[in-house]
Each structure stands twice: as C-alpha cells, then as structure tokens.
C-alpha atoms as a PDB file:
ATOM      1  CA  MET A   1       0.089  -0.027  -0.285  1.00  0.00           C
ATOM      2  CA  LYS A   2       1.409   3.495  -0.961  1.00  0.00           C
ATOM      3  CA  PRO A   3       1.613   5.876   1.685  1.00  0.00           C
ATOM      4  CA  ILE A   4      -0.975   8.290   0.234  1.00  0.00           C
ATOM      5  CA  HIS A   5      -3.101   5.377   0.519  1.00  0.00           C
ATOM      6  CA  LEU A   6      -2.325   5.086   4.257  1.00  0.00           C
ATOM      7  CA  LEU A   7      -2.699   8.873   4.797  1.00  0.00           C
ATOM      8  CA  MET A   8      -6.376   8.847   2.938  1.00  0.00           C
ATOM      9  CA  ILE A   9      -7.397   5.978   5.624  1.00  0.00           C
ATOM     10  CA  ALA A  10      -5.701   7.675   8.663  1.00  0.00           C
ATOM     11  CA  ALA A  11      -7.894  10.888   7.503  1.00  0.00           C
ATOM     12  CA  CYS A  12     -10.801   8.882   7.004  1.00  0.00           C
ATOM     13  CA  PHE A  13     -10.675   7.352  10.267  1.00  0.00           C
ATOM     14  CA  SER A  14      -9.691   9.933  12.594  1.00  0.00           C
ATOM     15  CA  LEU A  15     -12.459  12.637  10.730  1.00  0.00           C
ATOM     16  CA  GLY A  16     -14.958  10.153  11.662  1.00  0.00           C
ATOM     17  CA  ALA A  17     -13.868   9.644  14.936  1.00  0.00           C
ATOM     18  CA  ALA A  18     -14.029  13.996  15.658  1.00  0.00           C
ATOM     19  CA  SER A  19     -17.187  13.943  17.457  1.00  0.00           C
ATOM     20  CA  GLN A  20     -20.456  11.677  18.705  1.00  0.00           C
ATOM     21  CA  THR A  21     -22.421  14.361  16.303  1.00  0.00           C
ATOM     22  CA  THR A  22     -20.408  14.086  13.460  1.00  0.00           C
ATOM     23  CA  VAL A  23     -20.582  10.143  13.512  1.00  0.00           C
ATOM     24  CA  ALA A  24     -23.701   9.955  13.824  1.00  0.00           C
ATOM     25  CA  GLN A  25     -24.237  12.459  11.370  1.00  0.00           C
ATOM     26  CA  THR A  26     -22.112  10.867   8.852  1.00  0.00           C
ATOM     27  CA  ASP A  27     -24.028   7.480   9.148  1.00  0.00           C
ATOM     28  CA  MET A  28     -27.551   9.194   8.244  1.00  0.00           C
ATOM     29  CA  THR A  29     -25.602  10.562   5.218  1.00  0.00           C
ATOM     30  CA  ARG A  30     -23.380   6.788   4.566  1.00  0.00           C
ATOM     31  CA  SER A  31     -26.954   5.639   4.760  1.00  0.00           C
ATOM     32  CA  VAL A  32     -28.942   7.992   2.123  1.00  0.00           C
ATOM     33  CA  GLN A  33     -25.880   7.244   0.188  1.00  0.00           C
ATOM     34  CA  VAL A  34     -26.119   3.669   0.613  1.00  0.00           C
ATOM     35  CA  LYS A  35     -29.743   3.580  -0.306  1.00  0.00           C
ATOM     36  CA  ARG A  36     -29.030   5.731  -3.738  1.00  0.00           C
ATOM     37  CA  GLU A  37     -26.488   3.392  -4.397  1.00  0.00           C
ATOM     38  CA  ALA A  38     -28.648   0.297  -3.976  1.00  0.00           C
ATOM     39  CA  LEU A  39     -31.501   2.437  -6.504  1.00  0.00           C
ATOM     40  CA  LYS A  40     -29.045   3.198  -9.062  1.00  0.00           C
ATOM     41  CA  MET A  41     -27.933  -0.650  -9.266  1.00  0.00           C
ATOM     42  CA  GLY A  42     -31.488  -1.660  -9.412  1.00  0.00           C
ATOM     43  CA  LEU A  43     -31.834  -3.034  -5.892  1.00  0.00           C
ATOM     44  CA  TYR A  44     -34.292  -1.921  -3.280  1.00  0.00           C
ATOM     45  CA  PRO A  45     -33.812  -1.680   0.039  1.00  0.00           C
ATOM     46  CA  PRO A  46     -36.135  -3.207   2.624  1.00  0.00           C
ATOM     47  CA  ASP A  47     -37.634  -0.005   4.505  1.00  0.00           C
ATOM     48  CA  ILE A  48     -38.313   1.024   0.921  1.00  0.00           C
ATOM     49  CA  LEU A  49     -40.863  -2.142   0.031  1.00  0.00           C
ATOM     50  CA  MET A  50     -42.081  -1.849   3.937  1.00  0.00           C
ATOM     51  CA  ARG A  51     -43.553   1.416   2.907  1.00  0.00           C
ATOM     52  CA  TYR A  52     -45.015   0.802  -0.465  1.00  0.00           C
ATOM     53  CA  GLN A  53     -46.116  -2.871   0.410  1.00  0.00           C
ATOM     54  CA  ASP A  54     -49.467  -2.117  -0.195  1.00  0.00           C
ATOM     55  CA  ARG A  55     -49.063  -1.195  -3.502  1.00  0.00           C
ATOM     56  CA  LEU A  56     -46.373  -3.600  -4.565  1.00  0.00           C
ATOM     57  CA  GLY A  57     -49.082  -6.564  -3.207  1.00  0.00           C
ATOM     58  CA  ILE A  58     -46.443  -8.141  -1.194  1.00  0.00           C
ATOM     59  CA  THR A  59     -47.838 -11.737  -0.543  1.00  0.00           C
ATOM     60  CA  PRO A  60     -47.253 -13.465   2.792  1.00  0.00           C
ATOM     61  CA  ALA A  61     -44.675 -15.531   1.681  1.00  0.00           C
ATOM     62  CA  GLN A  62     -42.611 -12.539   0.025  1.00  0.00           C
ATOM     63  CA  ARG A  63     -42.829 -11.095   3.274  1.00  0.00           C
ATOM     64  CA  LYS A  64     -41.851 -13.860   5.224  1.00  0.00           C
ATOM     65  CA  THR A  65     -38.599 -14.585   2.368  1.00  0.00           C
ATOM     66  CA  ILE A  66     -37.635 -10.781   3.136  1.00  0.00           C
ATOM     67  CA  VAL A  67     -38.256 -10.595   6.858  1.00  0.00           C
ATOM     68  CA  ASP A  68     -35.974 -13.911   7.204  1.00  0.00           C
ATOM     69  CA  ALA A  69     -33.573 -12.347   5.033  1.00  0.00           C
ATOM     70  CA  VAL A  70     -32.772  -8.903   6.301  1.00  0.00           C
ATOM     71  CA  THR A  71     -33.159 -11.289  10.365  1.00  0.00           C
ATOM     72  CA  ASN A  72     -30.375 -13.255   8.895  1.00  0.00           C
ATOM     73  CA  PHE A  73     -28.351 -10.329   7.412  1.00  0.00           C
ATOM     74  CA  GLN A  74     -28.636  -8.270  11.169  1.00  0.00           C
ATOM     75  CA  ALA A  75     -27.629 -11.356  12.930  1.00  0.00           C
ATOM     76  CA  ASN A  76     -24.785 -12.240  10.740  1.00  0.00           C
ATOM     77  CA  VAL A  77     -23.493  -8.523  10.729  1.00  0.00           C
ATOM     78  CA  ALA A  78     -24.218  -7.764  14.858  1.00  0.00           C
ATOM     79  CA  ASP A  79     -20.639  -9.335  15.324  1.00  0.00           C
ATOM     80  CA  LEU A  80     -18.824  -8.528  12.153  1.00  0.00           C
ATOM     81  CA  GLN A  81     -19.855  -4.577  13.217  1.00  0.00           C
ATOM     82  CA  TRP A  82     -18.314  -5.258  16.821  1.00  0.00           C
ATOM     83  CA  THR A  83     -15.587  -6.735  15.179  1.00  0.00           C
ATOM     84  CA  MET A  84     -14.812  -3.761  12.625  1.00  0.00           C
ATOM     85  CA  GLN A  85     -15.754  -0.779  15.607  1.00  0.00           C
ATOM     86  CA  GLY A  86     -12.502  -2.470  17.180  1.00  0.00           C
ATOM     87  CA  GLU A  87     -10.262  -2.545  14.668  1.00  0.00           C
ATOM     88  CA  GLN A  88     -10.882   0.297  13.692  1.00  0.00           C
ATOM     89  CA  GLN A  89      -9.912   1.741  17.346  1.00  0.00           C
ATOM     90  CA  LYS A  90      -6.620  -0.028  17.281  1.00  0.00           C
ATOM     91  CA  LEU A  91      -6.136   1.251  13.901  1.00  0.00           C
ATOM     92  CA  GLN A  92      -6.672   4.757  14.821  1.00  0.00           C
ATOM     93  CA  GLN A  93      -4.502   4.019  18.087  1.00  0.00           C
ATOM     94  CA  ALA A  94      -1.872   3.109  15.520  1.00  0.00           C
ATOM     95  CA  PHE A  95      -2.465   6.218  14.273  1.00  0.00           C
ATOM     96  CA  SER A  96      -2.461   8.707  16.765  1.00  0.00           C
ATOM     97  CA  THR A  97       1.516   7.790  17.803  1.00  0.00           C
ATOM     98  CA  TYR A  98       4.526  10.167  16.709  1.00  0.00           C
ATOM     99  CA  ASN A  99       6.074   7.356  14.758  1.00  0.00           C
ATOM    100  CA  ILE A 100       3.823   4.677  13.166  1.00  0.00           C
ATOM    101  CA  ASN A 101       4.949   1.217  12.841  1.00  0.00           C
ATOM    102  CA  THR A 102       4.088   1.092   9.203  1.00  0.00           C
ATOM    103  CA  GLU A 103       3.814  -2.167   8.967  1.00  0.00           C
ATOM    104  CA  GLU A 104       1.934  -3.237  11.806  1.00  0.00           C
ATOM    105  CA  SER A 105      -0.468   0.226  10.549  1.00  0.00           C
ATOM    106  CA  LEU A 106      -0.648  -1.581   6.998  1.00  0.00           C
ATOM    107  CA  ALA A 107      -1.855  -5.021   8.749  1.00  0.00           C
ATOM    108  CA  LEU A 108      -4.318  -3.454  10.941  1.00  0.00           C
ATOM    109  CA  ALA A 109      -6.059  -1.087   7.791  1.00  0.00           C
ATOM    110  CA  GLU A 110      -6.178  -4.237   5.666  1.00  0.00           C
ATOM    111  CA  LYS A 111      -8.108  -5.984   8.375  1.00  0.00           C
ATOM    112  CA  VAL A 112     -10.299  -3.415   8.536  1.00  0.00           C
ATOM    113  CA  LEU A 113     -10.412  -3.272   5.003  1.00  0.00           C
ATOM    114  CA  ALA A 114     -11.382  -6.981   5.067  1.00  0.00           C
ATOM    115  CA  LEU A 115     -14.244  -6.538   7.419  1.00  0.00           C
ATOM    116  CA  GLU A 116     -15.801  -3.755   5.891  1.00  0.00           C
ATOM    117  CA  SER A 117     -15.622  -6.201   2.301  1.00  0.00           C
ATOM    118  CA  ARG A 118     -17.583  -8.508   4.194  1.00  0.00           C
ATOM    119  CA  PHE A 119     -20.127  -6.425   5.253  1.00  0.00           C
ATOM    120  CA  LYS A 120     -20.624  -4.866   1.493  1.00  0.00           C
ATOM    121  CA  LEU A 121     -20.713  -8.004   0.582  1.00  0.00           C
ATOM    122  CA  ALA A 122     -23.713  -9.530   2.979  1.00  0.00           C
ATOM    123  CA  HIS A 123     -25.395  -6.113   2.076  1.00  0.00           C
ATOM    124  CA  LEU A 124     -25.534  -6.985  -1.324  1.00  0.00           C
ATOM    125  CA  GLU A 125     -26.597 -10.307  -0.542  1.00  0.00           C
ATOM    126  CA  LEU A 126     -29.794  -9.169   1.199  1.00  0.00           C
ATOM    127  CA  LEU A 127     -30.708  -6.562  -1.318  1.00  0.00           C
ATOM    128  CA  ILE A 128     -30.313  -9.333  -4.045  1.00  0.00           C
ATOM    129  CA  THR A 129     -32.073 -11.958  -2.402  1.00  0.00           C
ATOM    130  CA  ILE A 130     -35.689  -9.232  -1.838  1.00  0.00           C
ATOM    131  CA  LYS A 131     -35.103  -8.287  -5.274  1.00  0.00           C
ATOM    132  CA  ASN A 132     -35.660 -11.822  -6.392  1.00  0.00           C
ATOM    133  CA  THR A 133     -37.997 -12.187  -3.994  1.00  0.00           C
ATOM    134  CA  LEU A 134     -40.153  -9.651  -6.411  1.00  0.00           C
ATOM    135  CA  THR A 135     -42.315 -10.002  -9.670  1.00  0.00           C
ATOM    136  CA  GLU A 136     -41.665  -8.442 -12.624  1.00  0.00           C
ATOM    137  CA  GLU A 137     -44.883  -6.347 -12.206  1.00  0.00           C
ATOM    138  CA  GLN A 138     -43.820  -5.182  -8.435  1.00  0.00           C
ATOM    139  CA  ILE A 139     -40.471  -4.016  -9.592  1.00  0.00           C
ATOM    140  CA  ASP A 140     -41.700  -1.725 -12.562  1.00  0.00           C
ATOM    141  CA  THR A 141     -44.496  -0.725  -9.437  1.00  0.00           C
ATOM    142  CA  ILE A 142     -41.753   0.418  -7.298  1.00  0.00           C
ATOM    143  CA  ASN A 143     -39.566   2.205 -10.078  1.00  0.00           C
ATOM    144  CA  GLN A 144     -42.594   3.734 -10.716  1.00  0.00           C
ATOM    145  CA  GLU A 145     -42.891   5.128  -6.961  1.00  0.00           C
ATOM    146  CA  ILE A 146     -39.320   5.947  -7.104  1.00  0.00           C
ATOM    147  CA  LYS A 147     -39.524   8.345  -9.897  1.00  0.00           C
ATOM    148  CA  LEU A 148     -42.866   9.648  -8.859  1.00  0.00           C
ATOM    149  CA  LYS A 149     -41.666  10.177  -5.325  1.00  0.00           C
ATOM    150  CA  ARG A 150     -37.943  11.855  -6.673  1.00  0.00           C
ATOM    151  CA  LYS A 151     -40.265  14.571  -8.885  1.00  0.00           C
ATOM    152  CA  THR A 152     -42.401  15.190  -5.728  1.00  0.00           C
ATOM    153  CA  LEU A 153     -38.893  16.063  -4.185  1.00  0.00           C
ATOM    154  CA  GLY A 154     -37.349  18.109  -6.959  1.00  0.00           C
ATOM    155  CA  THR A 155     -40.784  20.175  -7.638  1.00  0.00           C
ATOM    156  CA  MET A 156     -40.787  20.853  -3.804  1.00  0.00           C
ATOM    157  CA  ARG A 157     -37.051  21.866  -4.048  1.00  0.00           C
ATOM    158  CA  ASN A 158     -37.707  24.820  -6.390  1.00  0.00           C
END
C-alpha cells in the first residue's frame, strides 16, 4: 500500500472519530448514499419495500422471505460490526503515535478493509435476495413509485 493510501485511510478514520455528532451525521449521510447506490443498481432496500408494500401487493410468502433475509443479515453482521469497530479503534490508536509502525498499521488497515468488504458483500446479498423475491410487475411498480417520489421532491426543492 502506498503512503498516500495510508494517509487517506488515516484521515478517514480520524475524521470519522472526531465527535459523536459527526459520527451520527456521517452514519445518516452514509445510509442515504448506500440507499441511493442500491437504487442506481436496481436493488431495493427493505425500508422502501415496507413503505410501498400495499401498492406492491407483497404476498405473505414474499414478506416472510424478505423478513427472514433481513433477520439473517442483521444476525450475521452484528458480530462483524463489533469486530470492525474494535479493529478501527486499534487502527486509530496506531495512527495516534508520533512514529507510526508502518507494517503494523498496514496489517490493521487490511483487517479493517477486509471486514468492511465482508459487510458490504452481506448487504449486497440481502439486496439481491430481496429483488429476486419480487415479481416483474412489482419491480415496475416500485420503480414508478421511486420516480414519482423523486419528481415530487424535485418540485418541492424548486
């Protein structure tokens, strides 16, 4: 890993830990960004399906599949998030010294990045499961609802 990458990682972690308010705002912003990215890829976060479940005509079997997928995701990533937070704290501590141990810091950074990758893959698996549960008509309907909401929000901002 190049020194510039190490500096970028250090900056990200130190900025993220600046204050609890900033972390909460960052988490909200990240959540919105993740939702937007999922929608751009043609995938649907569970909260959107919950919001439009009546209009989509979600069946009891679909609901069970989606709820089971979300429950499984939450169970699998809970421990992962705890581990990731612990490793991020270790990395922040490694960066807080006057003379950073490069090998140790890079090894910690690789651990954090690997954990983040596992989390993102688990999230992607959830979104794929959700989409595969929907019918073509439901997908068309949710896309129409999203376009309508964007249009409405765009009108409200002007």
